[in-house]
Amino acid sequence: MNTDMTIKLATPDDAAPLIEMFRALYQESEFLLLEAGEFKSTPEEQENLIKANSSSDTNVLFVAVKNKNIIGFIGGTGGKFNRNRHSINIAMGVLGEYQRQGIGRSLLKALINWAKSHQFKRIELSVIENNIKAKSLYEAFGFEVEGLKQNSLIINGKLTNEYYMAKYIEA
């Protein structure tokens, strides 16, 4: 694991650096939902979102920080209704130059520990079918493929499948 990197809950002070990291991620990766240029959040909007998350028992945002720069994130949005309140949907990304250094593992551990402490029973996500690195990471943490979302995205003009994955956790 990368020892000069820390994982922490996002704070309002992280809003502007988080936007920079998101823009860089969307520019370099075809494995995320947004394309380059689609992310339009302002620092004020991001700050308000972070504030809302910090006072929520169902939403969370962790960031990976190295040399005072945000280099990755993992966020979770929990169910809002009685029937799905036990479930949290997550998204994660790490800048390319920092991948394969244990950062994704550290982010995922932080999220799983947070989910356990907030009485979630299920963590779910989707991952693009050919994102082998991410799928392998999730499987190493006990996530299992529950289904295939066929033609769920169009990437570079091509219909693309996503795996739907989930992990059950106990407190």
C-alpha atoms as a PDB file:
ATOM      1  CA  MET A   1       0.000   0.000   0.000  1.00  0.00           C
ATOM      2  CA  ASN A   2       0.996   3.577  -0.651  1.00  0.00           C
ATOM      3  CA  THR A   3       2.189   4.908   2.739  1.00  0.00           C
ATOM      4  CA  ASP A   4       2.258   8.624   1.878  1.00  0.00           C
ATOM      5  CA  MET A   5      -1.409   8.564   0.918  1.00  0.00           C
ATOM      6  CA  THR A   6      -4.378   9.014   3.249  1.00  0.00           C
ATOM      7  CA  ILE A   7      -8.058   8.155   2.995  1.00  0.00           C
ATOM      8  CA  LYS A   8     -10.449  10.590   4.649  1.00  0.00           C
ATOM      9  CA  LEU A   9     -14.040  11.726   4.570  1.00  0.00           C
ATOM     10  CA  ALA A  10     -14.434  14.609   2.146  1.00  0.00           C
ATOM     11  CA  THR A  11     -14.809  18.047   3.736  1.00  0.00           C
ATOM     12  CA  PRO A  12     -16.092  21.302   2.215  1.00  0.00           C
ATOM     13  CA  ASP A  13     -12.454  22.405   1.770  1.00  0.00           C
ATOM     14  CA  ASP A  14     -12.043  19.511  -0.688  1.00  0.00           C
ATOM     15  CA  ALA A  15     -14.646  20.902  -3.130  1.00  0.00           C
ATOM     16  CA  ALA A  16     -12.326  22.641  -5.625  1.00  0.00           C
ATOM     17  CA  PRO A  17      -9.589  19.943  -5.617  1.00  0.00           C
ATOM     18  CA  LEU A  18     -12.296  17.279  -5.955  1.00  0.00           C
ATOM     19  CA  ILE A  19     -13.647  18.998  -9.064  1.00  0.00           C
ATOM     20  CA  GLU A  20     -10.136  19.030 -10.552  1.00  0.00           C
ATOM     21  CA  MET A  21      -9.750  15.319  -9.828  1.00  0.00           C
ATOM     22  CA  PHE A  22     -13.180  14.489 -11.340  1.00  0.00           C
ATOM     23  CA  ARG A  23     -12.380  16.453 -14.505  1.00  0.00           C
ATOM     24  CA  ALA A  24      -9.058  14.634 -14.863  1.00  0.00           C
ATOM     25  CA  LEU A  25     -10.711  11.246 -14.264  1.00  0.00           C
ATOM     26  CA  TYR A  26     -13.442  11.865 -16.834  1.00  0.00           C
ATOM     27  CA  GLN A  27     -10.799  13.038 -19.323  1.00  0.00           C
ATOM     28  CA  GLU A  28      -8.651   9.914 -18.987  1.00  0.00           C
ATOM     29  CA  SER A  29     -11.123   7.100 -18.332  1.00  0.00           C
ATOM     30  CA  GLU A  30     -13.791   5.426 -20.434  1.00  0.00           C
ATOM     31  CA  PHE A  31     -14.850   3.355 -17.427  1.00  0.00           C
ATOM     32  CA  LEU A  32     -16.897   6.085 -15.719  1.00  0.00           C
ATOM     33  CA  LEU A  33     -20.434   7.232 -16.436  1.00  0.00           C
ATOM     34  CA  LEU A  34     -19.597  10.781 -17.539  1.00  0.00           C
ATOM     35  CA  GLU A  35     -17.608  11.710 -20.609  1.00  0.00           C
ATOM     36  CA  ALA A  36     -14.946  14.409 -20.645  1.00  0.00           C
ATOM     37  CA  GLY A  37     -16.627  17.796 -20.467  1.00  0.00           C
ATOM     38  CA  GLU A  38     -19.927  16.516 -19.034  1.00  0.00           C
ATOM     39  CA  PHE A  39     -19.015  17.211 -15.417  1.00  0.00           C
ATOM     40  CA  LYS A  40     -20.270  20.750 -14.764  1.00  0.00           C
ATOM     41  CA  SER A  41     -20.326  21.002 -10.956  1.00  0.00           C
ATOM     42  CA  THR A  42     -19.200  24.286  -9.419  1.00  0.00           C
ATOM     43  CA  PRO A  43     -17.160  24.527  -6.217  1.00  0.00           C
ATOM     44  CA  GLU A  44     -20.275  25.802  -4.423  1.00  0.00           C
ATOM     45  CA  GLU A  45     -22.392  22.874  -5.634  1.00  0.00           C
ATOM     46  CA  GLN A  46     -19.681  20.396  -4.674  1.00  0.00           C
ATOM     47  CA  GLU A  47     -19.282  22.031  -1.264  1.00  0.00           C
ATOM     48  CA  ASN A  48     -23.050  21.794  -0.650  1.00  0.00           C
ATOM     49  CA  LEU A  49     -23.035  18.128  -1.674  1.00  0.00           C
ATOM     50  CA  ILE A  50     -20.154  17.393   0.699  1.00  0.00           C
ATOM     51  CA  LYS A  51     -21.961  19.211   3.527  1.00  0.00           C
ATOM     52  CA  ALA A  52     -25.137  17.230   2.839  1.00  0.00           C
ATOM     53  CA  ASN A  53     -23.168  13.964   2.863  1.00  0.00           C
ATOM     54  CA  SER A  54     -21.466  14.818   6.156  1.00  0.00           C
ATOM     55  CA  SER A  55     -24.824  15.169   7.882  1.00  0.00           C
ATOM     56  CA  SER A  56     -26.280  12.033   6.271  1.00  0.00           C
ATOM     57  CA  ASP A  57     -26.441   8.480   7.582  1.00  0.00           C
ATOM     58  CA  THR A  58     -27.063   7.133   4.085  1.00  0.00           C
ATOM     59  CA  ASN A  59     -24.567   8.964   1.835  1.00  0.00           C
ATOM     60  CA  VAL A  60     -20.800   9.172   2.085  1.00  0.00           C
ATOM     61  CA  LEU A  61     -17.795  10.430   0.127  1.00  0.00           C
ATOM     62  CA  PHE A  62     -14.206   9.413   0.877  1.00  0.00           C
ATOM     63  CA  VAL A  63     -11.184  10.856  -0.896  1.00  0.00           C
ATOM     64  CA  ALA A  64      -7.635   9.596  -1.306  1.00  0.00           C
ATOM     65  CA  VAL A  65      -5.071  12.348  -0.760  1.00  0.00           C
ATOM     66  CA  LYS A  66      -1.395  12.328  -1.690  1.00  0.00           C
ATOM     67  CA  ASN A  67       0.882  15.365  -1.408  1.00  0.00           C
ATOM     68  CA  LYS A  68      -2.212  17.485  -0.645  1.00  0.00           C
ATOM     69  CA  ASN A  69      -3.802  16.420  -3.958  1.00  0.00           C
ATOM     70  CA  ILE A  70      -6.974  14.379  -4.267  1.00  0.00           C
ATOM     71  CA  ILE A  71      -6.106  11.369  -6.407  1.00  0.00           C
ATOM     72  CA  GLY A  72      -9.177   9.169  -5.964  1.00  0.00           C
ATOM     73  CA  PHE A  73     -12.634   8.863  -4.474  1.00  0.00           C
ATOM     74  CA  ILE A  74     -15.318   6.441  -3.432  1.00  0.00           C
ATOM     75  CA  GLY A  75     -18.869   7.529  -2.832  1.00  0.00           C
ATOM     76  CA  GLY A  76     -21.979   5.756  -1.678  1.00  0.00           C
ATOM     77  CA  THR A  77     -25.662   6.563  -1.907  1.00  0.00           C
ATOM     78  CA  GLY A  78     -27.908   4.589   0.389  1.00  0.00           C
ATOM     79  CA  GLY A  79     -31.508   3.605  -0.131  1.00  0.00           C
ATOM     80  CA  LYS A  80     -34.075   6.141   0.995  1.00  0.00           C
ATOM     81  CA  PHE A  81     -37.052   3.855   1.605  1.00  0.00           C
ATOM     82  CA  ASN A  82     -37.825   1.108   4.104  1.00  0.00           C
ATOM     83  CA  ARG A  83     -37.431  -1.620   1.506  1.00  0.00           C
ATOM     84  CA  ASN A  84     -34.006  -0.535   0.239  1.00  0.00           C
ATOM     85  CA  ARG A  85     -32.560   1.323   3.231  1.00  0.00           C
ATOM     86  CA  HIS A  86     -30.195  -1.611   3.911  1.00  0.00           C
ATOM     87  CA  SER A  87     -28.526  -1.161   0.503  1.00  0.00           C
ATOM     88  CA  ILE A  88     -25.870   1.312  -0.675  1.00  0.00           C
ATOM     89  CA  ASN A  89     -24.806   1.903  -4.280  1.00  0.00           C
ATOM     90  CA  ILE A  90     -21.190   2.921  -4.781  1.00  0.00           C
ATOM     91  CA  ALA A  91     -18.935   4.497  -7.390  1.00  0.00           C
ATOM     92  CA  MET A  92     -15.155   4.742  -7.283  1.00  0.00           C
ATOM     93  CA  GLY A  93     -12.290   6.149  -9.330  1.00  0.00           C
ATOM     94  CA  VAL A  94      -8.532   6.581  -9.000  1.00  0.00           C
ATOM     95  CA  LEU A  95      -6.407   8.699 -11.322  1.00  0.00           C
ATOM     96  CA  GLY A  96      -4.504   6.505 -13.781  1.00  0.00           C
ATOM     97  CA  GLU A  97      -0.991   7.327 -12.591  1.00  0.00           C
ATOM     98  CA  TYR A  98      -1.938   6.187  -9.067  1.00  0.00           C
ATOM     99  CA  GLN A  99      -3.619   2.917  -9.972  1.00  0.00           C
ATOM    100  CA  ARG A 100      -2.100  -0.417  -8.952  1.00  0.00           C
ATOM    101  CA  GLN A 101      -0.760   1.111  -5.710  1.00  0.00           C
ATOM    102  CA  GLY A 102      -3.411  -0.147  -3.278  1.00  0.00           C
ATOM    103  CA  ILE A 103      -5.420   3.069  -3.312  1.00  0.00           C
ATOM    104  CA  GLY A 104      -8.582   1.435  -4.652  1.00  0.00           C
ATOM    105  CA  ARG A 105      -8.260  -1.235  -1.975  1.00  0.00           C
ATOM    106  CA  SER A 106      -7.898   1.395   0.747  1.00  0.00           C
ATOM    107  CA  LEU A 107     -10.898   3.342  -0.533  1.00  0.00           C
ATOM    108  CA  LEU A 108     -13.022   0.196  -0.726  1.00  0.00           C
ATOM    109  CA  LYS A 109     -12.016  -0.850   2.822  1.00  0.00           C
ATOM    110  CA  ALA A 110     -12.978   2.574   4.168  1.00  0.00           C
ATOM    111  CA  LEU A 111     -16.361   2.413   2.455  1.00  0.00           C
ATOM    112  CA  ILE A 112     -17.085  -1.137   3.635  1.00  0.00           C
ATOM    113  CA  ASN A 113     -16.180  -0.232   7.233  1.00  0.00           C
ATOM    114  CA  TRP A 114     -18.386   2.854   7.054  1.00  0.00           C
ATOM    115  CA  ALA A 115     -21.269   0.807   5.593  1.00  0.00           C
ATOM    116  CA  LYS A 116     -20.956  -1.771   8.382  1.00  0.00           C
ATOM    117  CA  SER A 117     -21.000   0.929  11.055  1.00  0.00           C
ATOM    118  CA  HIS A 118     -24.136   2.411   9.474  1.00  0.00           C
ATOM    119  CA  GLN A 119     -25.996  -0.924   9.438  1.00  0.00           C
ATOM    120  CA  PHE A 120     -25.974  -1.477   5.690  1.00  0.00           C
ATOM    121  CA  LYS A 121     -26.335  -5.114   4.645  1.00  0.00           C
ATOM    122  CA  ARG A 122     -25.695  -4.837   0.907  1.00  0.00           C
ATOM    123  CA  ILE A 123     -23.205  -2.884  -1.208  1.00  0.00           C
ATOM    124  CA  GLU A 124     -23.920  -2.753  -4.920  1.00  0.00           C
ATOM    125  CA  LEU A 125     -22.287  -1.287  -7.994  1.00  0.00           C
ATOM    126  CA  SER A 126     -22.034  -1.584 -11.731  1.00  0.00           C
ATOM    127  CA  VAL A 127     -18.780  -2.004 -13.612  1.00  0.00           C
ATOM    128  CA  ILE A 128     -18.173  -1.864 -17.352  1.00  0.00           C
ATOM    129  CA  GLU A 129     -17.729  -5.366 -18.728  1.00  0.00           C
ATOM    130  CA  ASN A 130     -14.191  -4.840 -20.039  1.00  0.00           C
ATOM    131  CA  ASN A 131     -12.920  -3.047 -16.896  1.00  0.00           C
ATOM    132  CA  ILE A 132     -11.040  -6.146 -15.803  1.00  0.00           C
ATOM    133  CA  LYS A 133      -8.912  -4.393 -13.128  1.00  0.00           C
ATOM    134  CA  ALA A 134     -11.920  -2.980 -11.298  1.00  0.00           C
ATOM    135  CA  LYS A 135     -13.942  -6.190 -11.588  1.00  0.00           C
ATOM    136  CA  SER A 136     -11.000  -8.169 -10.163  1.00  0.00           C
ATOM    137  CA  LEU A 137     -10.657  -5.728  -7.262  1.00  0.00           C
ATOM    138  CA  TYR A 138     -14.349  -6.015  -6.414  1.00  0.00           C
ATOM    139  CA  GLU A 139     -14.212  -9.812  -6.625  1.00  0.00           C
ATOM    140  CA  ALA A 140     -11.199  -9.819  -4.269  1.00  0.00           C
ATOM    141  CA  PHE A 141     -13.448  -8.047  -1.737  1.00  0.00           C
ATOM    142  CA  GLY A 142     -16.221 -10.609  -2.100  1.00  0.00           C
ATOM    143  CA  PHE A 143     -18.440  -8.868  -4.635  1.00  0.00           C
ATOM    144  CA  GLU A 144     -20.260 -11.237  -6.966  1.00  0.00           C
ATOM    145  CA  VAL A 145     -21.747 -10.669 -10.390  1.00  0.00           C
ATOM    146  CA  GLU A 146     -25.527 -10.719 -10.099  1.00  0.00           C
ATOM    147  CA  GLY A 147     -26.308  -9.907 -13.688  1.00  0.00           C
ATOM    148  CA  LEU A 148     -25.321  -8.326 -16.966  1.00  0.00           C
ATOM    149  CA  LYS A 149     -26.857  -5.021 -18.017  1.00  0.00           C
ATOM    150  CA  GLN A 150     -26.767  -5.447 -21.778  1.00  0.00           C
ATOM    151  CA  ASN A 151     -26.137  -2.393 -23.950  1.00  0.00           C
ATOM    152  CA  SER A 152     -26.529  -0.155 -20.904  1.00  0.00           C
ATOM    153  CA  LEU A 153     -24.046   2.489 -22.077  1.00  0.00           C
ATOM    154  CA  ILE A 154     -22.790   3.910 -25.358  1.00  0.00           C
ATOM    155  CA  ILE A 155     -19.040   4.519 -25.232  1.00  0.00           C
ATOM    156  CA  ASN A 156     -17.318   5.929 -28.311  1.00  0.00           C
ATOM    157  CA  GLY A 157     -20.425   5.125 -30.334  1.00  0.00           C
ATOM    158  CA  LYS A 158     -20.422   1.465 -29.268  1.00  0.00           C
ATOM    159  CA  LEU A 159     -23.063  -0.244 -27.124  1.00  0.00           C
ATOM    160  CA  THR A 160     -21.373  -1.490 -23.965  1.00  0.00           C
ATOM    161  CA  ASN A 161     -22.425  -3.932 -21.245  1.00  0.00           C
ATOM    162  CA  GLU A 162     -22.051  -3.520 -17.493  1.00  0.00           C
ATOM    163  CA  TYR A 163     -21.904  -6.140 -14.775  1.00  0.00           C
ATOM    164  CA  TYR A 164     -24.171  -5.590 -11.820  1.00  0.00           C
ATOM    165  CA  MET A 165     -22.247  -6.676  -8.701  1.00  0.00           C
ATOM    166  CA  ALA A 166     -23.052  -6.832  -5.007  1.00  0.00           C
ATOM    167  CA  LYS A 167     -21.568  -7.832  -1.687  1.00  0.00           C
ATOM    168  CA  TYR A 168     -23.482  -8.745   1.454  1.00  0.00           C
ATOM    169  CA  ILE A 169     -21.993  -7.532   4.718  1.00  0.00           C
ATOM    170  CA  GLU A 170     -22.609  -8.210   8.361  1.00  0.00           C
ATOM    171  CA  ALA A 171     -22.165  -5.647  11.115  1.00  0.00           C
END
